[in-house]
Amino acid sequence: MAKLKLNIDEIEDDFFTGSRLLGIVSQTKDYRFCWLVNAQFNFDFRLNSDMEVQLKKKGRNYFFDIYFFCEPDNNTEHYIYHNQFEGEYLLPEFRHFDFLWLIKADVIYEERFLNLQQEIKKINGIQLVAELTKEKLKNKENLIL
């Protein structure tokens, strides 16, 4: 009987194709942060418990909330990951970021993406917004849904 092996590289490539990732520093609680984002952009981010990321480290389970919103007019998907849970990080290489905002679309226009970054910076309590490149992600499999 032949063994089947899951090709993680292929899955990662498929998941991250057409995506951009932002790291956000803010001491705001995750539900409050999403409420502020919804108010600023007229989005409708909602906590999606079906998408929650569970990691097992040091014999314990850690749960990372994910908020989701899909723009109905252009099918652009937005995911906001809470990067920290009880002292553990979803992406330890970016532990200084509190939130990770992943945008997936067929086309993400540079001007619109830069405008989004600028508007996020205007939200009360946001200290830093920076684009994170996929090449610098060491634990990108933690973002795959």
Protein backbone atom coordinates (compact mmCIF):
# COMPACT_ATOMS: atom_id res chain seq x y z
CA MET A 1 0.00 0.00 0.00
CA ALA A 2 1.46 3.35 -1.04
CA LYS A 3 1.69 6.15 1.50
CA LEU A 4 0.30 9.53 0.56
CA LYS A 5 2.22 12.58 1.62
CA LEU A 6 0.70 16.01 1.98
CA ASN A 7 2.63 18.63 0.03
CA ILE A 8 2.72 21.56 2.47
CA ASP A 9 4.63 23.82 0.04
CA GLU A 10 1.86 23.48 -2.53
CA ILE A 11 -0.82 24.23 0.06
CA GLU A 12 1.10 27.31 1.25
CA ASP A 13 1.57 28.56 -2.31
CA ASP A 14 -2.14 28.16 -3.05
CA PHE A 15 -3.22 29.84 0.18
CA PHE A 16 -0.88 32.83 -0.15
CA THR A 17 -1.36 33.42 -3.89
CA GLY A 18 -2.89 36.88 -4.32
CA SER A 19 -2.47 37.85 -0.68
CA ARG A 20 -0.87 40.66 1.31
CA LEU A 21 -0.17 40.65 5.04
CA LEU A 22 -0.02 43.52 7.53
CA GLY A 23 1.34 43.45 11.06
CA ILE A 24 -0.37 45.81 13.49
CA VAL A 25 0.74 46.96 16.93
CA SER A 26 -2.10 48.00 19.24
CA GLN A 27 -2.82 47.35 22.90
CA THR A 28 -6.55 47.32 22.10
CA LYS A 29 -8.51 44.13 22.83
CA ASP A 30 -9.23 42.11 19.67
CA TYR A 31 -13.02 42.61 19.71
CA ARG A 32 -12.57 46.36 20.25
CA PHE A 33 -9.95 46.56 17.49
CA CYS A 34 -12.35 44.90 15.02
CA TRP A 35 -15.15 47.20 16.12
CA LEU A 36 -12.91 50.21 15.41
CA VAL A 37 -11.93 48.77 12.00
CA ASN A 38 -15.58 48.17 11.15
CA ALA A 39 -16.43 51.76 12.06
CA GLN A 40 -13.47 53.22 10.11
CA PHE A 41 -14.00 51.23 6.89
CA ASN A 42 -17.69 50.34 7.05
CA PHE A 43 -16.63 46.66 7.10
CA ASP A 44 -18.38 43.87 8.95
CA PHE A 45 -15.61 41.84 10.60
CA ARG A 46 -17.00 39.08 12.77
CA LEU A 47 -15.39 36.52 15.00
CA ASN A 48 -15.42 33.18 13.20
CA SER A 49 -14.99 30.36 15.72
CA ASP A 50 -14.90 27.81 12.87
CA MET A 51 -11.65 29.39 11.67
CA GLU A 52 -9.96 29.57 15.06
CA VAL A 53 -6.33 28.40 14.94
CA GLN A 54 -5.34 25.86 17.56
CA LEU A 55 -1.67 25.17 18.25
CA LYS A 56 -0.28 22.62 20.62
CA LYS A 57 2.94 23.71 22.31
CA LYS A 58 4.60 22.44 25.46
CA GLY A 59 1.74 20.01 26.05
CA ARG A 60 -0.88 22.77 26.06
CA ASN A 61 -3.43 23.97 23.54
CA TYR A 62 -3.43 27.61 22.45
CA PHE A 63 -6.32 29.20 20.59
CA PHE A 64 -5.95 32.20 18.28
CA ASP A 65 -9.08 34.09 17.27
CA ILE A 66 -9.75 34.99 13.66
CA TYR A 67 -12.11 37.71 12.51
CA PHE A 68 -13.36 37.49 8.93
CA PHE A 69 -14.94 39.84 6.40
CA CYS A 70 -15.54 39.42 2.66
CA GLU A 71 -16.22 42.45 0.49
CA PRO A 72 -19.40 41.53 -1.39
CA ASP A 73 -18.70 43.62 -4.50
CA ASN A 74 -15.25 42.20 -5.33
CA ASN A 75 -14.82 38.99 -3.25
CA THR A 76 -11.79 40.37 -1.42
CA GLU A 77 -11.36 38.37 1.77
CA HIS A 78 -9.98 39.93 4.95
CA TYR A 79 -8.75 37.97 7.95
CA ILE A 80 -7.60 39.50 11.22
CA TYR A 81 -5.64 37.09 13.40
CA HIS A 82 -4.96 37.78 17.05
CA ASN A 83 -1.23 37.00 17.26
CA GLN A 84 -1.05 36.27 21.00
CA PHE A 85 -2.76 33.87 23.41
CA GLU A 86 -1.63 33.35 27.01
CA GLY A 87 2.00 34.20 26.28
CA GLU A 88 2.31 32.19 23.06
CA TYR A 89 2.38 33.65 19.55
CA LEU A 90 0.79 32.51 16.32
CA LEU A 91 3.83 33.90 14.49
CA PRO A 92 6.68 33.96 17.05
CA GLU A 93 8.97 35.63 14.51
CA PHE A 94 6.62 38.65 14.65
CA ARG A 95 5.87 38.62 18.37
CA HIS A 96 5.89 42.43 18.54
CA PHE A 97 2.74 42.55 16.36
CA ASP A 98 -0.58 42.17 18.17
CA PHE A 99 -2.66 41.60 15.04
CA LEU A 100 -2.07 40.16 11.59
CA TRP A 101 -4.33 41.36 8.77
CA LEU A 102 -4.33 39.05 5.75
CA ILE A 103 -5.97 40.23 2.54
CA LYS A 104 -6.73 37.75 -0.24
CA ALA A 105 -8.02 38.72 -3.67
CA ASP A 106 -7.53 38.04 -7.35
CA VAL A 107 -6.00 41.50 -7.64
CA ILE A 108 -4.89 43.82 -4.84
CA TYR A 109 -4.21 47.24 -6.26
CA GLU A 110 -1.14 48.89 -4.76
CA GLU A 111 -2.81 52.28 -4.33
CA ARG A 112 -5.77 50.75 -2.50
CA PHE A 113 -3.47 48.66 -0.29
CA LEU A 114 -1.35 51.70 0.66
CA ASN A 115 -4.52 53.70 1.34
CA LEU A 116 -5.76 50.92 3.63
CA GLN A 117 -2.48 51.05 5.58
CA GLN A 118 -2.75 54.82 5.98
CA GLU A 119 -6.36 54.60 7.15
CA ILE A 120 -5.52 51.87 9.69
CA LYS A 121 -2.85 54.17 11.16
CA LYS A 122 -5.58 56.76 11.81
CA ILE A 123 -7.52 54.43 14.11
CA ASN A 124 -7.24 55.39 17.77
CA GLY A 125 -4.80 53.13 19.61
CA ILE A 126 -2.83 51.94 16.56
CA GLN A 127 0.89 52.35 17.14
CA LEU A 128 2.35 50.71 14.03
CA VAL A 129 1.24 49.18 10.73
CA ALA A 130 3.77 47.40 8.51
CA GLU A 131 3.61 45.05 5.57
CA LEU A 132 5.03 41.60 6.23
CA THR A 133 6.46 39.66 3.31
CA LYS A 134 5.74 35.98 2.87
CA GLU A 135 9.46 35.31 2.55
CA LYS A 136 10.03 36.42 6.16
CA LEU A 137 7.32 34.14 7.55
CA LYS A 138 8.89 31.15 9.29
CA ASN A 139 5.58 29.75 10.57
CA LYS A 140 3.27 30.61 7.68
CA GLU A 141 1.50 27.26 8.02
CA ASN A 142 -0.07 28.69 11.21
CA LEU A 143 -2.06 31.15 9.07
CA ILE A 144 -3.48 28.56 6.67
CA LEU A 145 -7.15 27.89 7.22
